[in-house]
Protein backbone atom coordinates (compact mmCIF):
# COMPACT_ATOMS: atom_id res chain seq x y z
CA MET A 1 84.98 102.70 90.17
CA ASN A 2 84.41 106.43 90.70
CA THR A 3 86.22 107.30 94.17
CA ALA A 4 83.50 109.47 95.11
CA SER A 5 81.79 105.81 96.18
CA PHE A 6 84.23 105.94 99.07
CA LEU A 7 81.84 108.45 100.66
CA SER A 8 78.68 108.13 98.76
CA ILE A 9 78.26 104.42 100.17
CA PRO A 10 79.05 104.77 103.79
CA ALA A 11 77.05 107.87 103.71
CA SER A 12 74.27 105.62 102.53
CA ILE A 13 75.03 103.17 105.30
CA VAL A 14 75.65 105.07 108.37
CA PRO A 15 74.37 108.86 107.58
CA GLU A 16 74.25 110.06 111.29
CA GLN A 17 77.39 108.76 112.05
CA GLU A 18 80.16 111.36 112.58
CA ALA A 19 82.56 111.58 109.60
CA LEU A 20 84.73 114.56 109.90
CA VAL A 21 86.21 117.04 112.66
CA CYS A 22 88.13 119.93 111.87
CA GLY A 23 88.61 122.48 114.48
CA SER A 24 85.21 123.52 115.11
CA HIS A 25 83.42 121.93 112.61
CA ARG A 26 81.98 118.50 112.97
CA LEU A 27 79.89 116.71 109.96
CA THR A 28 78.04 113.58 109.82
CA TYR A 29 78.34 111.24 107.11
CA ALA A 30 75.09 112.96 105.51
CA ALA A 31 76.02 116.41 105.82
CA LEU A 32 79.42 115.75 104.30
CA HIS A 33 78.01 114.26 101.22
CA ALA A 34 75.52 117.04 101.17
CA ARG A 35 78.12 119.78 101.03
CA VAL A 36 80.22 117.71 98.55
CA ARG A 37 77.08 117.12 96.04
CA ARG A 38 76.34 121.19 96.29
CA LEU A 39 80.29 121.86 95.86
CA ALA A 40 79.82 119.41 93.00
CA GLY A 41 76.92 121.09 91.39
CA ALA A 42 78.70 124.58 91.84
CA LEU A 43 81.64 123.30 90.10
CA ALA A 44 79.64 121.46 87.14
CA GLN A 45 78.16 125.30 86.38
CA ARG A 46 81.55 126.33 86.19
CA GLY A 47 82.61 123.51 83.23
CA VAL A 48 84.27 120.91 85.36
CA GLY A 49 83.75 117.46 84.12
CA ARG A 50 85.51 114.45 83.03
CA GLY A 51 89.10 115.02 83.15
CA THR A 52 88.92 118.84 83.81
CA ARG A 53 91.95 119.94 86.24
CA VAL A 54 90.83 121.21 89.53
CA ALA A 55 93.89 122.29 92.21
CA VAL A 56 93.98 123.12 95.48
CA LEU A 57 96.74 124.99 97.28
CA HIS A 58 96.24 125.10 100.78
CA THR A 59 96.71 123.07 104.10
CA ASN A 60 94.81 120.57 105.61
CA SER A 61 90.93 120.94 106.15
CA HIS A 62 87.35 119.75 105.69
CA ARG A 63 86.98 122.16 102.68
CA TYR A 64 90.20 120.50 100.78
CA VAL A 65 88.29 116.81 101.73
CA GLU A 66 85.26 118.25 100.22
CA ALA A 67 87.42 119.79 96.97
CA TYR A 68 88.65 115.96 96.32
CA TYR A 69 85.20 114.05 96.26
CA ALA A 70 83.71 116.85 94.52
CA THR A 71 86.12 116.97 91.80
CA ALA A 72 85.59 112.64 91.82
CA MET A 73 82.11 112.94 91.52
CA LEU A 74 82.30 114.97 88.12
CA GLY A 75 85.15 112.38 86.98
CA GLY A 76 87.48 115.17 87.40
CA VAL A 77 91.71 115.21 87.87
CA PHE A 78 92.47 116.53 91.24
CA ILE A 79 96.04 118.36 91.88
CA PRO A 80 97.10 118.84 95.69
CA VAL A 81 99.65 121.35 95.22
CA ASN A 82 102.60 121.45 97.79
CA TYR A 83 102.18 124.65 99.77
CA ARG A 84 105.92 124.39 100.94
CA ALA A 85 107.18 124.93 97.43
CA LYS A 86 108.85 127.89 96.42
CA ARG A 87 107.00 129.90 93.99
CA PRO A 88 108.50 128.73 90.65
CA GLU A 89 107.95 125.32 91.61
CA ILE A 90 103.88 126.25 92.25
CA GLU A 91 104.05 127.86 89.08
CA TYR A 92 105.34 125.05 87.18
CA MET A 93 103.03 122.56 89.02
CA LEU A 94 99.55 124.94 88.25
CA ALA A 95 101.22 125.35 84.81
CA THR A 96 101.96 121.94 83.47
CA ALA A 97 99.21 120.33 84.88
CA GLU A 98 96.74 122.78 83.24
CA THR A 99 94.74 123.78 85.85
CA ARG A 100 91.37 125.11 85.09
CA ILE A 101 89.99 125.34 88.54
CA LEU A 102 92.16 126.33 91.78
CA PHE A 103 90.60 126.52 95.34
CA ILE A 104 93.36 128.61 97.46
CA GLY A 105 94.05 129.85 100.69
CA GLU A 106 94.54 133.52 101.47
CA ARG A 107 98.11 133.09 102.84
CA TYR A 108 99.07 131.20 99.24
CA VAL A 109 97.04 134.19 96.91
CA GLU A 110 100.12 136.26 96.73
CA HIS A 111 101.75 133.55 94.73
CA LEU A 112 98.89 133.23 92.46
CA ASP A 113 98.81 137.08 91.74
CA ALA A 114 102.43 136.80 90.86
CA VAL A 115 102.20 133.87 87.99
CA ARG A 116 98.85 134.09 87.14
CA GLY A 117 99.82 135.75 84.11
CA SER A 118 101.41 132.25 83.19
CA LEU A 119 98.37 130.25 83.82
CA PRO A 120 96.55 130.47 80.45
CA HIS A 121 94.15 127.42 81.26
CA LEU A 122 92.67 128.69 84.39
CA ALA A 123 89.14 130.07 84.34
CA ALA A 124 87.93 130.44 88.06
CA VAL A 125 89.79 130.44 91.34
CA ILE A 126 87.94 130.20 94.80
CA GLY A 127 89.02 131.43 98.30
CA PHE A 128 88.73 128.88 100.82
CA ASP A 129 88.67 131.13 103.56
CA PHE A 130 88.66 134.52 102.06
CA GLU A 131 86.96 136.35 98.96
CA ARG A 132 87.55 139.59 97.00
CA ALA A 133 86.18 140.93 94.33
CA ASP A 134 87.77 138.50 91.47
CA ILE A 135 87.61 135.85 93.98
CA PRO A 136 84.53 134.41 95.30
CA SER A 137 84.52 132.20 98.80
CA TYR A 138 84.17 128.63 99.25
CA GLU A 139 80.98 128.92 101.18
CA SER A 140 79.34 131.75 99.28
CA LEU A 141 79.79 129.08 96.13
CA LEU A 142 78.18 126.49 98.30
CA ALA A 143 75.31 128.54 99.41
CA GLY A 144 74.12 129.16 95.94
CA ALA A 145 74.45 125.69 94.44
CA ALA A 146 72.36 122.83 94.00
CA GLU A 147 72.92 119.57 94.82
CA HIS A 148 74.79 117.22 91.99
CA GLU A 149 73.20 113.95 92.24
CA ASP A 150 75.04 111.53 89.84
CA GLU A 151 78.60 110.54 90.14
CA ALA A 152 80.16 110.40 86.43
CA ASP A 153 81.10 107.14 84.97
CA VAL A 154 84.53 106.84 84.97
CA ASP A 155 87.43 104.20 83.57
CA ASP A 156 89.82 102.74 85.88
CA GLU A 157 92.55 104.18 83.63
CA ASP A 158 91.04 107.70 84.16
CA VAL A 159 93.60 109.77 86.37
CA SER A 160 91.58 110.64 89.70
CA ILE A 161 94.98 112.44 91.33
CA LEU A 162 97.98 114.26 89.66
CA MET A 163 100.33 114.55 92.37
CA TYR A 164 103.38 116.02 91.92
CA THR A 165 106.43 114.60 93.75
CA SER A 166 108.87 116.82 95.37
CA GLY A 167 112.10 117.78 93.70
CA THR A 168 115.17 117.83 94.96
CA THR A 169 117.79 118.34 91.87
CA SER A 170 114.90 118.79 89.34
CA LEU A 171 111.50 120.10 89.12
CA PRO A 172 108.47 117.94 90.53
CA LYS A 173 107.19 115.11 88.47
CA GLY A 174 103.58 114.85 88.18
CA VAL A 175 102.53 111.16 89.14
CA MET A 176 99.30 109.97 87.33
CA LEU A 177 97.23 107.79 89.66
CA ARG A 178 94.22 106.25 88.40
CA TYR A 179 90.75 105.86 89.83
CA GLY A 180 91.52 101.90 89.38
CA ASP A 181 94.24 102.59 91.45
CA PHE A 182 92.72 103.77 94.38
CA SER A 183 89.76 101.69 93.97
CA ALA A 184 91.99 98.76 94.23
CA TYR A 185 94.11 99.80 97.51
CA VAL A 186 91.52 101.15 99.45
CA THR A 187 89.16 98.10 99.22
CA ALA A 188 91.80 95.72 99.55
CA ASN A 189 93.19 96.95 102.66
CA VAL A 190 90.37 98.01 104.90
CA GLU A 191 86.40 96.99 105.44
CA LEU A 192 83.35 99.08 104.04
CA ALA A 193 81.35 100.65 106.73
CA ASP A 194 78.87 98.34 108.37
CA GLY A 195 77.66 100.50 111.59
CA THR A 196 79.89 99.08 113.88
CA PRO A 197 82.05 101.40 115.83
CA ARG A 198 85.50 101.60 113.69
CA GLY A 199 87.09 104.63 115.96
CA ALA A 200 88.72 107.67 114.93
CA ALA A 201 91.60 108.47 112.46
CA LEU A 202 93.95 111.25 112.93
CA LEU A 203 94.86 112.94 109.60
CA CYS A 204 97.98 115.15 109.98
CA ALA A 205 100.12 114.31 107.11
CA PRO A 206 99.66 116.95 104.54
CA LEU A 207 97.10 115.86 101.83
CA TYR A 208 99.57 116.69 98.90
CA HIS A 209 101.41 113.73 100.26
CA ILE A 210 100.12 110.06 99.10
CA ALA A 211 99.84 108.85 102.70
CA GLY A 212 97.42 111.86 103.59
CA ALA A 213 95.43 111.25 100.62
CA THR A 214 95.00 107.40 101.06
CA ASN A 215 94.06 108.30 104.91
CA MET A 216 91.25 110.22 103.88
CA MET A 217 90.12 107.51 101.47
CA THR A 218 90.43 104.60 103.74
CA THR A 219 89.07 106.31 106.63
CA ILE A 220 85.60 107.56 105.01
CA TRP A 221 85.53 104.14 103.20
CA THR A 222 85.51 102.29 106.55
CA GLY A 223 82.86 104.64 108.58
CA ARG A 224 85.86 105.67 110.50
CA ARG A 225 86.02 109.42 111.86
CA LEU A 226 88.46 111.58 110.11
CA VAL A 227 90.08 114.22 112.56
CA VAL A 228 91.68 116.84 110.04
CA MET A 229 94.68 118.54 111.35
CA PRO A 230 95.74 121.59 109.05
CA GLN A 231 99.18 121.18 109.98
CA PHE A 232 101.22 118.95 112.32
CA GLU A 233 102.38 120.18 115.93
CA PRO A 234 103.59 117.88 118.35
CA ALA A 235 101.29 119.41 121.17
CA GLY A 236 98.26 119.98 119.15
CA TRP A 237 98.57 116.18 117.98
CA LEU A 238 98.61 114.90 121.70
CA ASP A 239 95.81 117.07 122.80
CA LEU A 240 93.53 115.85 119.68
CA VAL A 241 94.55 112.23 120.14
CA GLU A 242 93.23 112.76 124.23
CA ARG A 243 90.08 115.11 123.17
CA GLU A 244 88.97 113.16 120.09
CA GLN A 245 89.66 109.48 121.15
CA VAL A 246 91.54 108.80 118.34
CA THR A 247 92.32 104.77 117.73
CA HIS A 248 94.19 105.08 114.53
CA ALA A 249 97.02 107.61 113.35
CA PHE A 250 100.03 107.77 110.78
CA VAL A 251 103.13 109.71 111.35
CA VAL A 252 106.72 110.15 109.54
CA PRO A 253 109.59 109.58 111.74
CA THR A 254 110.31 113.58 112.60
CA MET A 255 106.74 114.00 113.67
CA MET A 256 107.46 110.85 115.94
CA LYS A 257 110.24 112.04 117.73
CA HIS A 258 108.63 115.88 118.19
CA VAL A 259 105.63 114.02 119.94
CA LEU A 260 108.02 111.79 122.00
CA ASP A 261 109.93 115.09 122.70
CA ALA A 262 106.67 117.17 123.53
CA GLY A 263 106.00 114.56 126.85
CA ALA A 264 103.94 111.77 124.74
CA ALA A 265 105.08 109.29 128.00
CA SER A 266 102.83 111.31 130.32
CA ARG A 267 99.67 111.82 128.20
CA ASN A 268 96.56 109.52 127.82
CA LEU A 269 97.38 107.97 124.57
CA SER A 270 95.11 104.84 125.96
CA SER A 271 92.73 105.52 122.83
CA LEU A 272 95.26 104.62 120.47
CA GLU A 273 95.05 101.25 119.10
CA VAL A 274 97.33 101.57 115.52
CA LEU A 275 100.26 103.72 115.50
CA SER A 276 101.54 103.71 111.61
CA TYR A 277 104.62 105.41 110.45
CA GLY A 278 106.42 105.73 107.17
CA GLY A 279 107.19 108.39 104.44
CA ALA A 280 111.21 108.40 105.41
CA PRO A 281 113.56 105.70 107.25
CA MET A 282 112.54 105.52 110.94
CA PRO A 283 115.93 106.01 112.95
CA PHE A 284 116.24 103.11 115.37
CA PRO A 285 116.57 104.66 118.54
CA VAL A 286 113.46 106.77 117.71
CA ILE A 287 111.06 103.90 117.24
CA ARG A 288 112.59 101.71 120.26
CA ARG A 289 112.34 104.89 122.38
CA ALA A 290 108.29 104.94 121.13
CA ILE A 291 107.82 101.14 121.93
CA GLU A 292 109.32 101.58 125.35
CA GLN A 293 107.81 104.81 126.36
CA LEU A 294 104.33 104.84 124.81
CA PRO A 295 101.14 102.40 125.83
CA LYS A 296 101.97 98.70 125.56
CA THR A 297 98.08 98.55 123.67
CA ILE A 298 99.64 100.10 120.91
CA GLY A 299 100.07 98.63 117.91
CA PHE A 300 103.04 99.86 115.96
CA VAL A 301 102.79 99.49 111.88
CA ASN A 302 106.08 100.76 109.75
CA ALA A 303 104.15 101.31 106.02
CA PHE A 304 106.68 101.87 103.19
CA GLY A 305 105.30 102.64 100.02
CA GLN A 306 105.98 105.29 97.13
CA THR A 307 103.52 108.23 95.56
CA GLU A 308 104.26 105.94 92.15
CA THR A 309 102.49 102.72 93.72
CA THR A 310 99.58 104.38 95.14
CA SER A 311 100.73 104.27 98.90
CA THR A 312 101.89 101.27 100.79
CA LEU A 313 104.17 98.45 99.26
CA THR A 314 105.53 96.68 102.36
CA VAL A 315 104.42 96.58 105.98
CA LEU A 316 106.34 95.63 109.45
CA GLY A 317 103.07 95.00 111.59
CA PRO A 318 102.58 94.98 115.45
CA ASP A 319 104.07 91.37 116.30
CA ASP A 320 107.58 92.65 115.09
CA HIS A 321 107.43 95.78 117.17
CA ARG A 322 107.09 93.67 120.44
CA LEU A 323 109.91 93.56 122.31
CA ASP A 324 109.13 90.63 124.59
CA GLY A 325 109.86 86.93 124.72
CA THR A 326 113.35 84.88 125.26
CA PRO A 327 116.69 86.85 124.61
CA ALA A 328 116.93 85.14 120.97
CA GLU A 329 113.26 86.69 120.07
CA VAL A 330 114.02 89.90 121.20
CA GLU A 331 117.13 90.48 119.72
CA LEU A 332 115.79 88.96 116.43
CA ARG A 333 112.84 91.70 116.84
CA LEU A 334 115.00 94.48 117.27
CA ARG A 335 117.14 93.60 114.28
CA ARG A 336 113.55 93.47 112.22
CA LEU A 337 112.98 97.16 113.54
CA THR A 338 115.17 98.35 110.92
CA SER A 339 113.72 96.33 108.14
CA ILE A 340 110.30 97.69 106.22
CA GLY A 341 108.74 94.35 106.85
CA LYS A 342 106.86 92.02 104.08
CA PRO A 343 105.10 93.13 100.88
CA LEU A 344 101.35 93.25 101.18
CA PRO A 345 99.48 90.61 98.89
CA ASP A 346 99.29 92.42 95.66
CA VAL A 347 102.76 93.33 95.51
CA GLU A 348 105.88 91.68 94.17
CA VAL A 349 109.28 92.55 95.34
CA ARG A 350 112.84 91.76 93.97
CA ILE A 351 116.52 92.67 94.24
CA ILE A 352 118.67 93.70 90.90
CA GLY A 353 122.01 93.64 90.80
CA ASP A 354 123.86 96.03 87.94
CA ASP A 355 123.77 93.63 85.60
CA GLY A 356 120.21 93.03 85.61
CA ALA A 357 120.27 89.82 87.45
CA VAL A 358 117.80 88.98 90.29
CA LEU A 359 119.93 88.88 93.33
CA GLY A 360 119.71 86.12 96.56
CA ALA A 361 119.15 86.90 100.22
CA GLY A 362 121.22 89.25 101.92
CA ASP A 363 123.11 90.56 98.78
CA ILE A 364 122.08 94.52 98.12
CA GLY A 365 120.81 95.70 94.62
CA GLU A 366 118.16 97.76 93.38
CA ILE A 367 114.82 97.28 94.72
CA GLU A 368 112.21 96.58 92.16
CA VAL A 369 108.49 96.38 92.61
CA ARG A 370 105.39 94.83 90.41
CA THR A 371 101.48 95.87 91.28
CA ALA A 372 98.62 96.55 89.78
CA ARG A 373 98.12 99.75 91.13
CA ALA A 374 101.05 101.37 90.46
CA MET A 375 100.66 104.46 88.78
CA LYS A 376 99.70 105.36 85.03
CA GLY A 377 103.29 106.89 84.29
CA TYR A 378 104.54 110.72 85.03
CA ALA A 379 102.84 113.51 83.31
CA GLY A 380 104.71 114.53 80.23
CA ALA A 381 106.84 111.96 79.99
CA LEU A 382 107.85 110.42 76.77
CA ASP A 383 109.62 107.25 78.26
CA SER A 384 107.97 104.84 80.46
CA PRO A 385 109.59 104.18 84.02
CA PHE A 386 108.73 100.51 83.77
CA LYS A 387 110.32 97.55 82.45
CA ALA A 388 108.87 95.66 79.62
CA ASP A 389 107.34 92.80 82.09
CA GLY A 390 105.81 95.47 84.58
CA TRP A 391 108.85 95.99 87.05
CA LEU A 392 109.09 99.16 88.14
CA PRO A 393 112.62 100.20 89.82
CA THR A 394 112.10 102.38 92.84
CA LYS A 395 116.00 103.73 92.76
CA ASP A 396 116.25 102.37 96.50
CA MET A 397 118.94 100.09 97.07
CA GLY A 398 118.19 97.15 99.66
CA TRP A 399 118.22 93.61 100.42
CA ILE A 400 115.80 90.50 101.62
CA ASP A 401 116.78 88.76 104.65
CA PRO A 402 116.07 84.89 104.70
CA ASP A 403 113.19 85.14 106.15
CA GLY A 404 111.60 87.82 103.32
CA TYR A 405 111.90 91.00 105.30
CA LEU A 406 113.00 93.63 103.23
CA TYR A 407 115.57 96.39 104.45
CA VAL A 408 116.42 99.57 102.45
CA ALA A 409 120.39 100.47 102.22
CA GLY A 410 119.68 103.88 100.71
CA ARG A 411 118.99 105.65 97.57
CA LYS A 412 120.59 104.38 94.25
CA ASP A 413 122.82 107.63 93.77
CA ASP A 414 123.48 108.04 97.42
CA MET A 415 125.76 104.75 97.35
CA ILE A 416 129.17 105.10 98.37
CA ILE A 417 131.66 102.79 95.91
CA ARG A 418 134.99 102.65 98.08
CA GLY A 419 137.55 100.79 96.21
CA GLY A 420 134.88 99.20 93.91
CA GLU A 421 132.74 98.03 96.90
CA ASN A 422 129.42 99.36 97.55
CA ILE A 423 128.54 100.78 100.87
CA ALA A 424 125.08 101.53 101.91
CA PRO A 425 124.73 104.78 103.80
CA ALA A 426 121.93 103.93 106.06
CA GLU A 427 123.61 100.71 107.11
CA ILE A 428 126.54 102.89 109.07
CA GLU A 429 124.22 105.04 109.83
CA SER A 430 121.91 102.65 111.58
CA VAL A 431 125.34 102.03 113.95
CA LEU A 432 125.82 105.61 114.51
CA LEU A 433 122.17 105.86 115.62
CA SER A 434 122.35 102.94 118.16
CA HIS A 435 125.07 105.13 120.29
CA PRO A 436 122.80 106.91 123.08
CA ALA A 437 124.73 110.42 122.62
CA VAL A 438 123.71 110.39 118.81
CA ASP A 439 120.48 112.24 117.69
CA GLU A 440 121.05 112.25 114.29
CA ALA A 441 123.27 111.02 111.62
CA ALA A 442 124.13 111.40 107.76
CA VAL A 443 126.70 109.41 106.04
CA PHE A 444 127.98 110.12 102.62
CA GLY A 445 130.92 109.65 100.43
CA VAL A 446 133.76 112.21 99.53
CA ALA A 447 136.20 112.35 97.01
CA ASP A 448 139.48 110.25 97.84
CA VAL A 449 142.45 109.67 95.26
CA GLU A 450 142.95 106.02 96.39
CA TRP A 451 139.86 104.54 97.11
CA GLY A 452 137.73 106.88 94.91
CA GLN A 453 135.34 107.51 97.76
CA ARG A 454 135.58 107.48 101.42
CA VAL A 455 133.04 107.43 104.06
CA ALA A 456 132.09 110.49 105.94
CA ALA A 457 129.71 111.09 108.54
CA ALA A 458 127.73 114.29 110.13
CA VAL A 459 126.40 113.67 113.48
CA ARG A 460 124.50 115.81 116.25
């Protein structure tokens, strides 16, 4: 399935329904689809077709969304570049991706000018919000283009998005996500638009992040209004929820804390039905504070996933966030708030020990997953990260409790080994964070002559 259908099919069902809001721009499904077809026509004139690499370097916008769907319409490969990356990393991503067309914002054009000589495949640059002699503007491109009518025939194995993961000790890895991966994820997790009210979803995660990309796709497919925030800012986030009557939103834990600190408890968030979070471990005090301070009508969802698995793997749902019932039930739910929930129906999870054996409930080992929507692989990698039977090691350590809830103990490389015993930093951090005087905590190992490593902590 061509993911351009995520827009074209709803546009045929609810053409006059509002599809996208970004600043002063408001577009119906019909208007959004028409702009996408014109952009696809302009890109086709510039040689974009099946497999052509089209990159974007800018913050979120309605044009960013249009660029993805126009690229998909032609069967191209979309490359959302991390605008927070350093110049050498931007150069590396654009070069190794063999970028042919680049959409760019004016604030980042100095990076392009500095590295353009090392981008031999780059044929055209388009300014999202500016123009100059050698860079036409996006809107001028649309104004002179005819609408492209047909969606390219693509194979489920064709790469739709080449998404680079952030590198910490090495250069970013290009994760190859296929048209079939996104089709499987979107159609399995949300219902197609049918004209019934579906509310509004606030997109504040960057579109170079898998959560941002899948949010864009699921929202449009289900007929919900997509409210695009260029960059997260807590007061602005709260304003948008109130003004646009947002019903669905996704935040990372840091965003959740900033929203609470910005006075969320005193704002009108009654429209919010689902507030999902993920992308990093959620500190226990933050989610407990959110549950206690925000409207009881909000359903909190912890969505754990990876870029390599086309987003969500496990979910801790709203019922597990409700701190009511008997003391024993409340205690159980409080304990489960530190988990990442249970696997989705199309996901298998297991825990593997150092000897490769599958571990039982409560034993800490490496988390491995298996799902049909796992990535095609890493671009340019000689070795496959998958095991022969399709299992993908995540490099996250964790355990599964007797009720099937999965807990993350930290990254494999972060594990502290003291006297031959594995100690998970995340377990100790959760204890430190339970103290009301501790706002943040990081636990790590330091060299010790007697024990090999000893446990140290930095707290704020």
